[in-house]
């Protein structure tokens, strides 16, 4: 593989591509109407969704261990397929390179509609990642492989350790942020259904790998749903 492509698929190369993408979006005037949008935005839908996610999380919390074992015991071919798809989607570098490459291609082709949608996808993915990382260090929840059980929260002494960064799943959140922005942007029902499958596959993979509790991935999907809608609501593009 040429050195140029090796650099592109590395973390520094991916960071450079994303920096270029965000810079181009700013220069193209994507945020020109942001001030007016912030003045008229309604917080009620987001508050309602937030409360619903919290309620579902607390309910799921008591079934975490049972659901975890059930999902890990699935041997159906569909389960294997979901695990493989989820494993691919959970490779963050691949996700970022794919999204940034598609945006750059649409920008170079001067296709304004697809450029704005793809830029929105990048923004939703980035904001979802930021929110999920902040949430991790608030709750400091132990992962399933720590053998501390599903009710181990606020492990402040180990907050920098990976084993205490279970809530939420950053990988699932990134996929959910991208998927839900695209979900809101398309009208085709089959494509909408496919987009919903993606974060579910990523969630399945992370649970089966014993890295996250099912309730962690539920919160991740909820964050992606909220952030995706917030970004989409700014432009309201549908194709």
C-alpha atoms as a PDB file:
ATOM      1  CA  UNK A   1       0.000   0.000   0.000  1.00  0.00           C
ATOM      2  CA  UNK A   2       1.399   3.459  -0.965  1.00  0.00           C
ATOM      3  CA  UNK A   3       2.583   5.628   1.915  1.00  0.00           C
ATOM      4  CA  UNK A   4      -0.045   8.262   1.079  1.00  0.00           C
ATOM      5  CA  UNK A   5      -2.919   5.831   1.676  1.00  0.00           C
ATOM      6  CA  UNK A   6      -1.237   4.472   4.795  1.00  0.00           C
ATOM      7  CA  UNK A   7      -1.187   8.020   6.131  1.00  0.00           C
ATOM      8  CA  UNK A   8      -4.864   8.591   5.230  1.00  0.00           C
ATOM      9  CA  UNK A   9      -6.045   5.555   7.193  1.00  0.00           C
ATOM     10  CA  UNK A  10      -3.916   6.480  10.210  1.00  0.00           C
ATOM     11  CA  UNK A  11      -5.332   8.576  13.044  1.00  0.00           C
ATOM     12  CA  UNK A  12      -3.301  11.695  12.102  1.00  0.00           C
ATOM     13  CA  UNK A  13      -4.416  11.340   8.486  1.00  0.00           C
ATOM     14  CA  UNK A  14      -8.046  10.935   9.515  1.00  0.00           C
ATOM     15  CA  UNK A  15      -7.791  13.968  11.798  1.00  0.00           C
ATOM     16  CA  UNK A  16      -6.361  16.004   8.919  1.00  0.00           C
ATOM     17  CA  UNK A  17      -9.192  14.956   6.590  1.00  0.00           C
ATOM     18  CA  UNK A  18     -11.803  15.878   9.180  1.00  0.00           C
ATOM     19  CA  UNK A  19     -10.152  19.252   9.804  1.00  0.00           C
ATOM     20  CA  UNK A  20     -10.264  19.990   6.073  1.00  0.00           C
ATOM     21  CA  UNK A  21     -13.916  18.906   5.896  1.00  0.00           C
ATOM     22  CA  UNK A  22     -15.029  21.094   8.797  1.00  0.00           C
ATOM     23  CA  UNK A  23     -13.053  24.041   7.424  1.00  0.00           C
ATOM     24  CA  UNK A  24     -14.658  23.690   3.983  1.00  0.00           C
ATOM     25  CA  UNK A  25     -18.102  23.533   5.546  1.00  0.00           C
ATOM     26  CA  UNK A  26     -17.486  26.732   7.466  1.00  0.00           C
ATOM     27  CA  UNK A  27     -16.095  28.486   4.394  1.00  0.00           C
ATOM     28  CA  UNK A  28     -19.077  27.374   2.289  1.00  0.00           C
ATOM     29  CA  UNK A  29     -21.474  29.142   4.681  1.00  0.00           C
ATOM     30  CA  UNK A  30     -23.084  26.126   6.337  1.00  0.00           C
ATOM     31  CA  UNK A  31     -23.439  28.037   9.610  1.00  0.00           C
ATOM     32  CA  UNK A  32     -24.673  31.300   8.130  1.00  0.00           C
ATOM     33  CA  UNK A  33     -28.189  30.823   9.525  1.00  0.00           C
ATOM     34  CA  UNK A  34     -27.150  29.393  12.885  1.00  0.00           C
ATOM     35  CA  UNK A  35     -27.891  32.512  14.949  1.00  0.00           C
ATOM     36  CA  UNK A  36     -31.500  32.678  13.766  1.00  0.00           C
ATOM     37  CA  UNK A  37     -31.956  28.942  14.313  1.00  0.00           C
ATOM     38  CA  UNK A  38     -30.750  29.147  17.916  1.00  0.00           C
ATOM     39  CA  UNK A  39     -33.230  31.947  18.647  1.00  0.00           C
ATOM     40  CA  UNK A  40     -36.287  29.963  17.568  1.00  0.00           C
ATOM     41  CA  UNK A  41     -35.306  26.435  18.614  1.00  0.00           C
ATOM     42  CA  UNK A  42     -37.739  24.671  20.949  1.00  0.00           C
ATOM     43  CA  UNK A  43     -36.345  22.617  23.835  1.00  0.00           C
ATOM     44  CA  UNK A  44     -39.570  20.674  24.526  1.00  0.00           C
ATOM     45  CA  UNK A  45     -38.976  17.814  22.037  1.00  0.00           C
ATOM     46  CA  UNK A  46     -35.448  17.280  23.345  1.00  0.00           C
ATOM     47  CA  UNK A  47     -36.517  17.371  26.968  1.00  0.00           C
ATOM     48  CA  UNK A  48     -39.270  14.843  26.268  1.00  0.00           C
ATOM     49  CA  UNK A  49     -36.874  12.537  24.437  1.00  0.00           C
ATOM     50  CA  UNK A  50     -34.267  12.904  27.177  1.00  0.00           C
ATOM     51  CA  UNK A  51     -36.779  11.923  29.868  1.00  0.00           C
ATOM     52  CA  UNK A  52     -37.929   8.953  27.794  1.00  0.00           C
ATOM     53  CA  UNK A  53     -34.333   7.736  27.361  1.00  0.00           C
ATOM     54  CA  UNK A  54     -33.712   8.090  31.109  1.00  0.00           C
ATOM     55  CA  UNK A  55     -36.857   6.101  31.907  1.00  0.00           C
ATOM     56  CA  UNK A  56     -35.931   3.345  29.452  1.00  0.00           C
ATOM     57  CA  UNK A  57     -32.388   3.228  30.815  1.00  0.00           C
ATOM     58  CA  UNK A  58     -33.502   2.745  34.412  1.00  0.00           C
ATOM     59  CA  UNK A  59     -35.934   0.058  33.295  1.00  0.00           C
ATOM     60  CA  UNK A  60     -33.303  -1.716  31.182  1.00  0.00           C
ATOM     61  CA  UNK A  61     -30.809  -1.525  34.030  1.00  0.00           C
ATOM     62  CA  UNK A  62     -32.595  -4.290  35.928  1.00  0.00           C
ATOM     63  CA  UNK A  63     -32.541  -6.609  32.902  1.00  0.00           C
ATOM     64  CA  UNK A  64     -28.983  -5.877  31.784  1.00  0.00           C
ATOM     65  CA  UNK A  65     -27.409  -9.114  32.950  1.00  0.00           C
ATOM     66  CA  UNK A  66     -30.179 -11.309  31.536  1.00  0.00           C
ATOM     67  CA  UNK A  67     -30.235  -9.532  28.157  1.00  0.00           C
ATOM     68  CA  UNK A  68     -26.424  -9.572  28.002  1.00  0.00           C
ATOM     69  CA  UNK A  69     -26.304 -13.358  28.450  1.00  0.00           C
ATOM     70  CA  UNK A  70     -29.157 -13.882  25.991  1.00  0.00           C
ATOM     71  CA  UNK A  71     -27.496 -11.851  23.238  1.00  0.00           C
ATOM     72  CA  UNK A  72     -24.144 -13.511  23.831  1.00  0.00           C
ATOM     73  CA  UNK A  73     -25.796 -16.914  23.464  1.00  0.00           C
ATOM     74  CA  UNK A  74     -27.306 -16.252  20.022  1.00  0.00           C
ATOM     75  CA  UNK A  75     -25.963 -18.620  17.341  1.00  0.00           C
ATOM     76  CA  UNK A  76     -28.406 -17.774  14.544  1.00  0.00           C
ATOM     77  CA  UNK A  77     -26.856 -16.782  11.165  1.00  0.00           C
ATOM     78  CA  UNK A  78     -28.526 -13.377  11.458  1.00  0.00           C
ATOM     79  CA  UNK A  79     -26.738 -12.904  14.757  1.00  0.00           C
ATOM     80  CA  UNK A  80     -23.408 -13.725  13.105  1.00  0.00           C
ATOM     81  CA  UNK A  81     -24.178 -11.274  10.296  1.00  0.00           C
ATOM     82  CA  UNK A  82     -25.139  -8.544  12.784  1.00  0.00           C
ATOM     83  CA  UNK A  83     -21.939  -9.205  14.729  1.00  0.00           C
ATOM     84  CA  UNK A  84     -19.801  -8.885  11.593  1.00  0.00           C
ATOM     85  CA  UNK A  85     -21.556  -5.719  10.441  1.00  0.00           C
ATOM     86  CA  UNK A  86     -21.351  -4.229  13.918  1.00  0.00           C
ATOM     87  CA  UNK A  87     -17.654  -5.027  14.142  1.00  0.00           C
ATOM     88  CA  UNK A  88     -16.994  -3.213  10.881  1.00  0.00           C
ATOM     89  CA  UNK A  89     -19.062  -0.193  11.908  1.00  0.00           C
ATOM     90  CA  UNK A  90     -17.288  -0.012  15.258  1.00  0.00           C
ATOM     91  CA  UNK A  91     -13.966   0.723  13.582  1.00  0.00           C
ATOM     92  CA  UNK A  92     -13.994   4.468  14.191  1.00  0.00           C
ATOM     93  CA  UNK A  93     -11.222   5.296  11.739  1.00  0.00           C
ATOM     94  CA  UNK A  94     -13.047   3.522   8.907  1.00  0.00           C
ATOM     95  CA  UNK A  95     -16.271   5.385   9.736  1.00  0.00           C
ATOM     96  CA  UNK A  96     -14.574   8.788   9.789  1.00  0.00           C
ATOM     97  CA  UNK A  97     -12.630   8.150   6.576  1.00  0.00           C
ATOM     98  CA  UNK A  98     -15.765   6.961   4.777  1.00  0.00           C
ATOM     99  CA  UNK A  99     -17.854   9.964   5.841  1.00  0.00           C
ATOM    100  CA  UNK A 100     -15.139  12.549   5.196  1.00  0.00           C
ATOM    101  CA  UNK A 101     -14.286  11.023   1.798  1.00  0.00           C
ATOM    102  CA  UNK A 102     -17.918  11.119   0.694  1.00  0.00           C
ATOM    103  CA  UNK A 103     -18.204  14.733   1.795  1.00  0.00           C
ATOM    104  CA  UNK A 104     -15.016  15.778  -0.006  1.00  0.00           C
ATOM    105  CA  UNK A 105     -16.172  14.048  -3.201  1.00  0.00           C
ATOM    106  CA  UNK A 106     -19.546  15.802  -3.092  1.00  0.00           C
ATOM    107  CA  UNK A 107     -17.839  19.118  -2.342  1.00  0.00           C
ATOM    108  CA  UNK A 108     -15.423  18.742  -5.249  1.00  0.00           C
ATOM    109  CA  UNK A 109     -18.341  17.780  -7.514  1.00  0.00           C
ATOM    110  CA  UNK A 110     -20.141  20.925  -6.287  1.00  0.00           C
ATOM    111  CA  UNK A 111     -23.277  18.979  -5.443  1.00  0.00           C
ATOM    112  CA  UNK A 112     -24.723  21.334  -2.851  1.00  0.00           C
ATOM    113  CA  UNK A 113     -27.540  19.102  -1.582  1.00  0.00           C
ATOM    114  CA  UNK A 114     -25.417  16.019  -0.933  1.00  0.00           C
ATOM    115  CA  UNK A 115     -22.627  18.208   0.467  1.00  0.00           C
ATOM    116  CA  UNK A 116     -24.951  19.739   3.054  1.00  0.00           C
ATOM    117  CA  UNK A 117     -26.396  16.352   4.032  1.00  0.00           C
ATOM    118  CA  UNK A 118     -22.966  14.751   4.371  1.00  0.00           C
ATOM    119  CA  UNK A 119     -21.626  17.730   6.285  1.00  0.00           C
ATOM    120  CA  UNK A 120     -24.596  17.375   8.625  1.00  0.00           C
ATOM    121  CA  UNK A 121     -23.744  13.699   9.052  1.00  0.00           C
ATOM    122  CA  UNK A 122     -20.173  14.625   9.983  1.00  0.00           C
ATOM    123  CA  UNK A 123     -21.400  17.232  12.479  1.00  0.00           C
ATOM    124  CA  UNK A 124     -23.920  14.860  14.061  1.00  0.00           C
ATOM    125  CA  UNK A 125     -21.248  12.170  14.379  1.00  0.00           C
ATOM    126  CA  UNK A 126     -18.754  14.593  15.927  1.00  0.00           C
ATOM    127  CA  UNK A 127     -21.230  16.120  18.404  1.00  0.00           C
ATOM    128  CA  UNK A 128     -22.502  12.674  19.387  1.00  0.00           C
ATOM    129  CA  UNK A 129     -18.942  11.579  20.073  1.00  0.00           C
ATOM    130  CA  UNK A 130     -18.310  14.610  22.274  1.00  0.00           C
ATOM    131  CA  UNK A 131     -21.515  14.094  24.274  1.00  0.00           C
ATOM    132  CA  UNK A 132     -20.787  10.388  24.751  1.00  0.00           C
ATOM    133  CA  UNK A 133     -17.246  11.060  25.998  1.00  0.00           C
ATOM    134  CA  UNK A 134     -18.480  13.631  28.524  1.00  0.00           C
ATOM    135  CA  UNK A 135     -21.152  11.194  29.707  1.00  0.00           C
ATOM    136  CA  UNK A 136     -18.550   8.458  30.225  1.00  0.00           C
ATOM    137  CA  UNK A 137     -16.658  10.593  32.736  1.00  0.00           C
ATOM    138  CA  UNK A 138     -19.832  11.600  34.555  1.00  0.00           C
ATOM    139  CA  UNK A 139     -21.131   8.112  35.291  1.00  0.00           C
ATOM    140  CA  UNK A 140     -17.822   6.137  35.278  1.00  0.00           C
ATOM    141  CA  UNK A 141     -19.661   2.832  34.925  1.00  0.00           C
ATOM    142  CA  UNK A 142     -17.838  -0.490  35.056  1.00  0.00           C
ATOM    143  CA  UNK A 143     -17.863  -2.584  31.890  1.00  0.00           C
ATOM    144  CA  UNK A 144     -19.292  -6.129  31.901  1.00  0.00           C
ATOM    145  CA  UNK A 145     -15.846  -7.740  31.722  1.00  0.00           C
ATOM    146  CA  UNK A 146     -14.897  -6.102  35.027  1.00  0.00           C
ATOM    147  CA  UNK A 147     -17.200  -8.596  36.819  1.00  0.00           C
ATOM    148  CA  UNK A 148     -18.521  -5.785  39.057  1.00  0.00           C
ATOM    149  CA  UNK A 149     -22.095  -6.189  37.868  1.00  0.00           C
ATOM    150  CA  UNK A 150     -24.470  -3.763  36.113  1.00  0.00           C
ATOM    151  CA  UNK A 151     -24.917  -1.440  39.113  1.00  0.00           C
ATOM    152  CA  UNK A 152     -21.301  -0.294  39.476  1.00  0.00           C
ATOM    153  CA  UNK A 153     -21.288   3.482  38.828  1.00  0.00           C
ATOM    154  CA  UNK A 154     -19.168   6.497  39.841  1.00  0.00           C
ATOM    155  CA  UNK A 155     -15.851   4.634  40.123  1.00  0.00           C
ATOM    156  CA  UNK A 156     -13.967   7.919  40.416  1.00  0.00           C
ATOM    157  CA  UNK A 157     -10.665   6.328  41.394  1.00  0.00           C
ATOM    158  CA  UNK A 158     -10.534   4.490  38.058  1.00  0.00           C
ATOM    159  CA  UNK A 159     -12.201   7.027  35.772  1.00  0.00           C
ATOM    160  CA  UNK A 160      -9.231   7.055  33.382  1.00  0.00           C
ATOM    161  CA  UNK A 161      -9.243   3.287  33.033  1.00  0.00           C
ATOM    162  CA  UNK A 162     -11.072   1.760  30.075  1.00  0.00           C
ATOM    163  CA  UNK A 163     -12.868  -0.762  32.274  1.00  0.00           C
ATOM    164  CA  UNK A 164     -14.818   2.096  33.910  1.00  0.00           C
ATOM    165  CA  UNK A 165     -15.959   3.804  30.701  1.00  0.00           C
ATOM    166  CA  UNK A 166     -18.979   1.679  29.861  1.00  0.00           C
ATOM    167  CA  UNK A 167     -21.778   4.269  29.760  1.00  0.00           C
ATOM    168  CA  UNK A 168     -22.392   5.026  26.954  1.00  0.00           C
ATOM    169  CA  UNK A 169     -20.758   3.177  24.074  1.00  0.00           C
ATOM    170  CA  UNK A 170     -18.803   5.707  22.042  1.00  0.00           C
ATOM    171  CA  UNK A 171     -18.675   3.407  19.010  1.00  0.00           C
ATOM    172  CA  UNK A 172     -22.446   2.934  18.966  1.00  0.00           C
ATOM    173  CA  UNK A 173     -23.026   6.646  19.576  1.00  0.00           C
ATOM    174  CA  UNK A 174     -20.934   7.620  16.540  1.00  0.00           C
ATOM    175  CA  UNK A 175     -22.803   5.214  14.276  1.00  0.00           C
ATOM    176  CA  UNK A 176     -26.138   6.354  15.722  1.00  0.00           C
ATOM    177  CA  UNK A 177     -25.354  10.042  15.202  1.00  0.00           C
ATOM    178  CA  UNK A 178     -24.477   9.472  11.540  1.00  0.00           C
ATOM    179  CA  UNK A 179     -27.356   7.062  10.932  1.00  0.00           C
ATOM    180  CA  UNK A 180     -30.078   9.207  12.455  1.00  0.00           C
ATOM    181  CA  UNK A 181     -29.020  12.368  10.610  1.00  0.00           C
ATOM    182  CA  UNK A 182     -29.214  10.376   7.366  1.00  0.00           C
ATOM    183  CA  UNK A 183     -32.488   8.785   8.547  1.00  0.00           C
ATOM    184  CA  UNK A 184     -34.121  12.196   8.971  1.00  0.00           C
ATOM    185  CA  UNK A 185     -32.742  13.348   5.606  1.00  0.00           C
ATOM    186  CA  UNK A 186     -34.189  10.609   3.375  1.00  0.00           C
ATOM    187  CA  UNK A 187     -37.784   9.748   2.513  1.00  0.00           C
ATOM    188  CA  UNK A 188     -37.280   6.234   1.154  1.00  0.00           C
ATOM    189  CA  UNK A 189     -38.716   3.807   3.718  1.00  0.00           C
ATOM    190  CA  UNK A 190     -36.362   0.951   2.790  1.00  0.00           C
ATOM    191  CA  UNK A 191     -33.339   3.183   3.211  1.00  0.00           C
ATOM    192  CA  UNK A 192     -34.718   4.448   6.531  1.00  0.00           C
ATOM    193  CA  UNK A 193     -35.081   0.855   7.750  1.00  0.00           C
ATOM    194  CA  UNK A 194     -31.506   0.056   6.699  1.00  0.00           C
ATOM    195  CA  UNK A 195     -30.171   3.132   8.502  1.00  0.00           C
ATOM    196  CA  UNK A 196     -31.908   2.048  11.713  1.00  0.00           C
ATOM    197  CA  UNK A 197     -30.249  -1.365  11.491  1.00  0.00           C
ATOM    198  CA  UNK A 198     -26.740   0.116  11.566  1.00  0.00           C
ATOM    199  CA  UNK A 199     -26.643   1.391  15.192  1.00  0.00           C
ATOM    200  CA  UNK A 200     -28.468  -1.758  16.313  1.00  0.00           C
ATOM    201  CA  UNK A 201     -25.782  -3.923  14.683  1.00  0.00           C
ATOM    202  CA  UNK A 202     -23.043  -1.856  16.325  1.00  0.00           C
ATOM    203  CA  UNK A 203     -24.825  -2.190  19.680  1.00  0.00           C
ATOM    204  CA  UNK A 204     -25.166  -5.959  19.228  1.00  0.00           C
ATOM    205  CA  UNK A 205     -21.443  -6.287  18.503  1.00  0.00           C
ATOM    206  CA  UNK A 206     -20.367  -4.258  21.540  1.00  0.00           C
ATOM    207  CA  UNK A 207     -22.648  -6.240  23.861  1.00  0.00           C
ATOM    208  CA  UNK A 208     -21.594  -9.618  22.454  1.00  0.00           C
ATOM    209  CA  UNK A 209     -17.943  -8.595  22.841  1.00  0.00           C
ATOM    210  CA  UNK A 210     -18.656  -7.997  26.561  1.00  0.00           C
ATOM    211  CA  UNK A 211     -17.574  -4.340  26.276  1.00  0.00           C
ATOM    212  CA  UNK A 212     -20.932  -2.741  27.100  1.00  0.00           C
ATOM    213  CA  UNK A 213     -24.165  -3.442  28.899  1.00  0.00           C
ATOM    214  CA  UNK A 214     -27.326  -3.392  26.745  1.00  0.00           C
ATOM    215  CA  UNK A 215     -28.517  -0.281  28.609  1.00  0.00           C
ATOM    216  CA  UNK A 216     -25.252   1.482  27.640  1.00  0.00           C
ATOM    217  CA  UNK A 217     -26.030   1.012  23.969  1.00  0.00           C
ATOM    218  CA  UNK A 218     -29.623   2.137  24.513  1.00  0.00           C
ATOM    219  CA  UNK A 219     -28.330   5.456  25.834  1.00  0.00           C
ATOM    220  CA  UNK A 220     -25.856   5.675  22.935  1.00  0.00           C
ATOM    221  CA  UNK A 221     -28.635   5.273  20.392  1.00  0.00           C
ATOM    222  CA  UNK A 222     -30.710   7.833  22.276  1.00  0.00           C
ATOM    223  CA  UNK A 223     -27.864  10.369  22.172  1.00  0.00           C
ATOM    224  CA  UNK A 224     -27.426   9.785  18.445  1.00  0.00           C
ATOM    225  CA  UNK A 225     -31.167  10.207  17.902  1.00  0.00           C
ATOM    226  CA  UNK A 226     -31.239  13.521  19.775  1.00  0.00           C
ATOM    227  CA  UNK A 227     -28.079  15.003  18.285  1.00  0.00           C
ATOM    228  CA  UNK A 228     -28.986  13.802  14.802  1.00  0.00           C
ATOM    229  CA  UNK A 229     -32.362  15.507  15.008  1.00  0.00           C
ATOM    230  CA  UNK A 230     -30.819  18.680  16.425  1.00  0.00           C
ATOM    231  CA  UNK A 231     -28.409  18.966  13.493  1.00  0.00           C
ATOM    232  CA  UNK A 232     -31.042  17.963  10.913  1.00  0.00           C
ATOM    233  CA  UNK A 233     -33.539  20.471  12.309  1.00  0.00           C
ATOM    234  CA  UNK A 234     -31.128  23.278  11.404  1.00  0.00           C
ATOM    235  CA  UNK A 235     -31.379  22.627   7.639  1.00  0.00           C
ATOM    236  CA  UNK A 236     -34.408  20.305   7.398  1.00  0.00           C
ATOM    237  CA  UNK A 237     -33.106  18.708   4.182  1.00  0.00           C
ATOM    238  CA  UNK A 238     -35.065  15.744   2.840  1.00  0.00           C
ATOM    239  CA  UNK A 239     -34.467  13.884  -0.404  1.00  0.00           C
END
